[in-house]
Protein backbone atom coordinates (compact mmCIF):
# COMPACT_ATOMS: atom_id res chain seq x y z
CA MET A 1 183.65 211.49 113.48
CA GLY A 2 183.09 207.74 113.17
CA LEU A 3 183.13 208.01 109.39
CA ALA A 4 186.31 210.12 109.34
CA TRP A 5 188.26 207.74 111.59
CA GLY A 6 186.93 204.50 110.12
CA ALA A 7 186.66 205.07 106.36
CA SER A 8 189.34 203.66 104.08
CA PRO A 9 190.37 204.87 100.60
CA LEU A 10 190.22 201.23 99.52
CA LEU A 11 186.41 201.55 99.33
CA SER A 12 184.84 202.44 96.01
CA LEU A 13 182.95 205.73 95.87
CA ILE A 14 179.61 203.98 95.30
CA ASP A 15 180.11 201.62 98.27
CA LEU A 16 181.09 204.57 100.44
CA MET A 17 178.02 206.58 99.41
CA VAL A 18 175.63 203.66 100.03
CA LEU A 19 177.05 202.93 103.48
CA VAL A 20 177.07 206.59 104.48
CA ALA A 21 173.49 207.12 103.29
CA LEU A 22 172.23 204.05 105.16
CA SER A 23 174.09 204.74 108.40
CA PHE A 24 173.33 208.46 108.56
CA THR A 25 169.64 207.77 107.93
CA ILE A 26 169.58 205.18 110.72
CA ILE A 27 171.37 207.47 113.19
CA ASN A 28 169.22 210.53 112.47
CA LEU A 29 165.99 208.53 112.44
CA SER A 30 166.89 206.97 115.79
CA SER A 31 167.67 210.41 117.17
CA ALA A 32 164.26 211.66 116.01
CA ILE A 33 162.56 208.72 117.75
CA GLY A 34 164.29 209.59 121.02
CA ALA A 35 163.29 213.24 120.72
CA GLN A 36 159.65 212.35 120.02
CA VAL A 37 159.51 209.97 122.99
CA ASN A 38 160.92 212.74 125.17
CA THR A 39 158.27 215.16 123.89
CA ILE A 40 155.46 212.73 124.75
CA TYR A 41 156.57 211.88 128.28
CA ASP A 42 157.71 215.42 129.15
CA HIS A 43 154.36 216.89 128.09
CA GLU A 44 153.16 217.64 131.62
CA LEU A 45 156.53 219.05 132.64
CA ASP A 46 156.81 221.18 129.50
CA SER A 47 153.30 222.56 130.01
CA ARG A 48 154.60 224.34 133.12
CA ASP A 49 157.40 226.01 131.19
CA ASP A 50 156.39 229.20 129.35
CA ARG A 51 159.32 228.78 126.93
CA LYS A 52 157.92 225.46 125.67
CA LYS A 53 154.35 226.52 124.99
CA SER A 54 154.72 226.07 121.23
CA LEU A 55 156.00 222.51 121.72
CA VAL A 56 153.14 221.65 124.08
CA ARG A 57 150.61 223.16 121.67
CA ALA A 58 152.09 221.31 118.69
CA LEU A 59 151.84 217.96 120.47
CA SER A 60 148.25 218.67 121.51
CA ASP A 61 147.28 219.67 117.98
CA PHE A 62 148.95 216.67 116.36
CA GLY A 63 147.81 214.22 119.03
CA GLN A 64 149.81 211.77 121.13
CA ARG A 65 148.21 208.74 119.49
CA ARG A 66 149.31 209.89 116.05
CA VAL A 67 152.83 210.52 117.34
CA LYS A 68 152.96 207.00 118.82
CA ARG A 69 151.79 205.49 115.51
CA LEU A 70 154.46 207.53 113.76
CA LEU A 71 157.04 206.26 116.26
CA LEU A 72 156.13 202.66 115.49
CA ALA A 73 156.45 203.27 111.73
CA GLU A 74 159.81 205.01 112.20
CA PHE A 75 161.07 202.19 114.42
CA LEU A 76 160.13 199.50 111.89
CA PHE A 77 161.68 201.48 109.04
CA ALA A 78 164.90 202.00 111.01
CA LEU A 79 164.98 198.30 111.91
CA SER A 80 164.67 197.37 108.23
CA LEU A 81 167.58 199.67 107.36
CA VAL A 82 169.72 198.21 110.15
CA SER A 83 168.90 194.70 108.89
CA LEU A 84 169.95 195.71 105.37
CA LEU A 85 173.19 197.18 106.72
CA LEU A 86 173.81 193.96 108.64
CA VAL A 87 173.43 191.93 105.43
CA ILE A 88 175.82 194.23 103.55
CA THR A 89 178.54 194.39 106.22
CA GLY A 90 178.05 191.05 107.98
CA LYS A 91 178.71 192.69 111.38
CA PRO A 92 176.17 191.67 114.10
CA ILE A 93 177.68 194.22 116.50
CA LEU A 94 175.90 196.94 114.50
CA LEU A 95 172.50 195.46 115.37
CA PHE A 96 173.52 195.12 119.04
CA MET A 97 174.60 198.77 119.26
CA TRP A 98 171.45 200.00 117.53
CA VAL A 99 169.15 197.97 119.80
CA ALA A 100 171.04 199.13 122.89
CA GLY A 101 171.00 202.75 121.74
CA ILE A 102 167.33 202.88 120.75
CA SER A 103 166.32 201.11 123.97
CA LEU A 104 168.27 203.51 126.18
CA GLY A 105 166.89 206.45 124.18
CA TYR A 106 163.36 205.26 124.94
CA LEU A 107 163.96 204.41 128.60
CA TYR A 108 165.67 207.77 129.16
CA SER A 109 162.29 209.54 128.99
CA ALA A 110 159.65 206.83 129.32
CA PRO A 111 158.35 205.29 132.55
CA PRO A 112 158.83 203.20 134.56
CA LEU A 113 162.61 203.74 134.50
CA ARG A 114 162.61 207.37 133.27
CA ILE A 115 166.39 207.46 133.48
CA LYS A 116 166.55 211.24 133.03
CA ALA A 117 165.24 211.62 136.61
CA ARG A 118 167.87 209.29 138.08
CA SER A 119 170.75 211.72 138.62
CA TRP A 120 173.97 209.70 138.22
CA LEU A 121 172.52 207.26 135.68
CA ALA A 122 171.20 209.98 133.37
CA PRO A 123 174.53 211.46 132.19
CA PHE A 124 176.01 208.04 131.43
CA THR A 125 172.94 207.20 129.36
CA LEU A 126 173.17 210.49 127.47
CA ILE A 127 176.86 209.93 126.77
CA LEU A 128 176.19 206.43 125.44
CA VAL A 129 173.21 207.46 123.30
CA LEU A 130 174.50 210.79 121.98
CA ALA A 131 178.22 210.03 121.60
CA ILE A 132 179.53 206.49 122.12
CA PHE A 133 176.98 204.36 120.25
CA PRO A 134 176.44 206.61 117.17
CA VAL A 135 180.17 207.19 116.59
CA LEU A 136 181.12 203.55 117.23
CA PHE A 137 178.22 202.42 115.01
CA GLU A 138 179.54 204.48 112.12
CA TYR A 139 183.17 203.52 112.78
CA TYR A 140 182.48 199.77 112.85
CA ILE A 141 180.75 199.94 109.48
CA PHE A 142 184.11 200.78 107.93
CA SER A 143 186.65 199.29 110.32
CA SER A 144 186.87 196.45 112.84
CA VAL A 145 190.12 197.57 114.47
CA LEU A 146 189.96 200.21 117.21
CA LYS A 147 192.76 202.72 116.78
CA PRO A 148 194.22 204.23 119.98
CA LEU A 149 193.90 207.81 118.74
CA PHE A 150 190.28 207.18 117.74
CA LEU A 151 189.57 205.99 121.29
CA VAL A 152 191.18 209.16 122.66
CA SER A 153 188.98 211.31 120.42
CA LEU A 154 185.90 209.28 121.42
CA ALA A 155 186.69 209.82 125.12
CA GLY A 156 187.03 213.53 124.44
CA LEU A 157 183.73 213.58 122.57
CA ALA A 158 182.00 211.80 125.47
CA MET A 159 183.28 214.44 127.90
CA THR A 160 182.30 217.26 125.59
CA VAL A 161 178.77 215.97 124.98
CA TYR A 162 177.79 216.06 128.62
CA GLY A 163 179.80 219.23 129.19
CA VAL A 164 177.66 221.14 126.67
CA ILE A 165 174.44 219.50 127.90
CA ILE A 166 174.84 220.73 131.49
CA PRO A 167 173.90 224.37 130.71
CA THR A 168 170.65 223.04 129.22
CA GLU A 169 170.01 221.21 132.49
CA ILE A 170 170.84 224.47 134.30
CA ARG A 171 168.19 226.22 132.21
CA ASP A 172 165.65 223.65 133.42
CA TYR A 173 167.09 223.47 136.96
CA PHE A 174 164.41 225.50 138.72
CA VAL A 175 161.49 223.71 137.03
CA ASP A 176 163.07 220.27 137.52
CA LYS A 177 163.75 220.98 141.19
CA ALA A 178 160.17 222.17 141.76
CA MET A 179 158.85 219.00 140.08
CA GLU A 180 161.29 216.85 142.12
CA ILE A 181 163.05 215.57 138.99
CA GLU A 182 166.56 214.75 140.17
CA THR A 183 168.79 215.39 137.20
CA MET A 184 172.54 215.42 137.76
CA THR A 185 172.43 219.22 137.90
CA VAL A 186 169.69 219.19 140.54
CA ARG A 187 171.71 216.65 142.53
CA LEU A 188 174.96 218.63 142.34
CA GLY A 189 173.52 222.13 142.57
CA LEU A 190 174.12 225.04 140.21
CA VAL A 191 177.68 225.90 141.28
CA LYS A 192 179.14 222.38 141.07
CA ALA A 193 177.23 221.60 137.88
CA SER A 194 178.44 224.73 136.08
CA LEU A 195 182.01 224.05 137.23
CA LEU A 196 181.71 220.47 135.97
CA SER A 197 180.61 221.74 132.55
CA ILE A 198 183.76 223.87 132.33
CA LEU A 199 186.01 220.96 133.31
CA LEU A 200 184.35 218.51 130.91
CA LEU A 201 184.41 220.85 127.91
CA SER A 202 188.03 221.81 128.57
CA GLY A 203 189.17 218.21 129.03
CA GLY A 204 187.13 216.97 126.10
CA GLY A 205 188.56 219.64 123.83
CA ILE A 206 192.12 218.72 124.83
CA PHE A 207 191.54 215.01 124.15
CA VAL A 208 189.84 215.56 120.78
CA GLY A 209 192.30 218.24 119.69
CA ALA A 210 195.32 216.10 120.57
CA ALA A 211 193.94 213.03 118.77
CA PHE A 212 193.09 214.92 115.59
CA PHE A 213 196.38 216.85 115.60
CA LEU A 214 198.48 213.70 115.94
CA GLU A 215 196.49 211.84 113.29
CA LEU A 216 196.61 214.72 110.81
CA ALA A 217 200.15 215.91 111.49
CA TYR A 218 201.95 212.58 111.56
CA SER A 219 199.80 210.29 109.42
CA PHE A 220 198.88 212.68 106.62
CA ARG A 221 199.86 216.32 106.08
CA SER A 222 201.60 218.16 108.91
CA ALA A 223 200.08 221.53 107.99
CA TRP A 224 196.57 220.10 108.30
CA GLY A 225 197.21 219.42 111.97
CA PHE A 226 196.88 223.12 112.70
CA SER A 227 193.20 222.96 111.75
CA VAL A 228 192.63 221.94 115.39
CA LEU A 229 193.09 225.62 116.24
CA THR A 230 189.48 226.08 115.11
CA LEU A 231 188.48 223.81 117.99
CA ALA A 232 190.48 225.88 120.45
CA VAL A 233 188.68 229.04 119.29
CA ALA A 234 185.23 227.42 119.48
CA ASP A 235 185.88 226.01 122.95
CA TYR A 236 187.23 229.36 124.15
CA ILE A 237 184.05 231.15 123.03
CA ALA A 238 181.83 228.56 124.73
CA LEU A 239 183.94 228.46 127.89
CA ARG A 240 183.62 232.22 128.34
CA ARG A 241 179.84 231.78 128.50
CA PHE A 242 180.18 228.77 130.79
CA ARG A 243 182.36 230.82 133.15
CA LYS A 244 179.75 233.58 133.25
CA LEU A 245 177.14 230.95 134.11
CA TYR A 246 179.41 229.68 136.88
CA CYS A 247 179.80 233.20 138.30
CA LEU A 248 176.02 233.75 138.25
CA SER A 249 175.52 230.40 139.99
CA LYS A 250 177.93 231.39 142.77
CA GLU A 251 176.18 234.72 143.09
CA TYR A 252 172.80 232.96 143.28
CA ALA A 253 174.04 230.64 146.04
CA SER A 254 175.24 233.52 148.23
CA SER A 255 172.50 236.07 147.48
CA ARG A 256 169.37 236.80 149.48
CA ASP A 257 167.58 238.33 146.49
CA GLN A 258 167.68 235.27 144.23
CA GLY A 259 164.74 236.13 141.96
CA SER A 260 166.57 238.44 139.56
CA ILE A 261 169.65 236.20 139.46
CA GLU A 262 167.46 233.20 138.67
CA LYS A 263 166.11 235.06 135.64
CA ASP A 264 169.65 235.91 134.53
CA ILE A 265 170.72 232.27 134.84
CA VAL A 266 167.72 231.03 132.84
CA SER A 267 168.17 233.75 130.22
CA LEU A 268 171.89 233.06 129.74
CA SER A 269 171.59 229.28 129.70
CA ALA A 270 168.75 229.52 127.17
CA HIS A 271 171.44 230.41 124.60
CA ASN A 272 173.07 227.01 125.08
CA PRO A 273 171.84 225.56 121.73
CA ARG A 274 174.12 228.12 120.04
CA TRP A 275 177.09 226.97 122.11
CA ILE A 276 176.30 223.33 121.41
CA MET A 277 176.11 224.08 117.69
CA LEU A 278 179.38 226.00 117.73
CA VAL A 279 181.35 223.23 119.46
CA THR A 280 179.82 220.21 117.74
CA GLN A 281 179.98 221.71 114.26
CA THR A 282 183.66 222.46 114.82
CA TYR A 283 184.11 218.76 115.59
CA SER A 284 182.26 218.02 112.35
CA LEU A 285 184.59 220.38 110.46
CA LEU A 286 187.66 218.61 111.84
CA SER A 287 186.13 215.26 110.88
CA ILE A 288 185.54 216.47 107.32
CA ILE A 289 189.18 217.63 107.12
CA LEU A 290 190.39 214.25 108.41
CA LEU A 291 188.13 212.44 105.93
CA MET A 292 189.44 214.56 103.04
CA SER A 293 193.03 213.88 104.07
CA ARG A 294 192.39 210.13 103.79
CA PHE A 295 191.10 210.30 100.23
CA LEU A 296 193.13 213.13 98.68
CA PRO A 297 196.38 212.06 97.01
């Protein structure tokens, strides 16, 4: 999304390819570092979850010390790439955003802060690390002027990111609550959390869809604006599942026999990676269309 909104046809193809390769490597490497840190510090918690046995076993077989050495090597490599990007673009803000993002990604899982267990702080950190910083990082590589419609789409993305994460927190709700890990979902409870996921995904979809439609329809080709209908379809499919999760949560709250409903909630929410993929890849598709519209005659 950052590339699609920020890139300019004034760039040569070689310059564009170099900048994209560097920035995408940095973003994905930083994401891998955050995931590995989470795997290390959630080891004890994951060991109590039957669905994560393979992850626990893999970490034990590979060894935490080796993972930490790998993390250090990845961090230094990413830092060298960021430094190179800084030399090429001459924009210090890129280094600031990367340092802030990688630091928050580490502190999200690692003690002593372990932000993921600090209810209200956790979602804001996730939104910054998974949406705001990566997209702004990519955007600022190509542009220094913040466009209003880009900011609207970024706000929509931020809402969507946490909206699609909540069902994953619902999947882990019962384990997190037993371990006294106060995620936002544990703090709110299943009913309010599942309702919040519906509101965030709906609102985020409206913001993103409106921004892309206006940019495509009025700045480039009007017919291309209707590609946002793919987003409406994707959100509708995901929202139907979110609504079912909401209904199960209400049933769980009012039922005396909660055991079977708990299993249904865990089983349904375990499909959330598919819903995340559906929604986020639709955003990627729209971004590709917007990028193409900028470069095609």
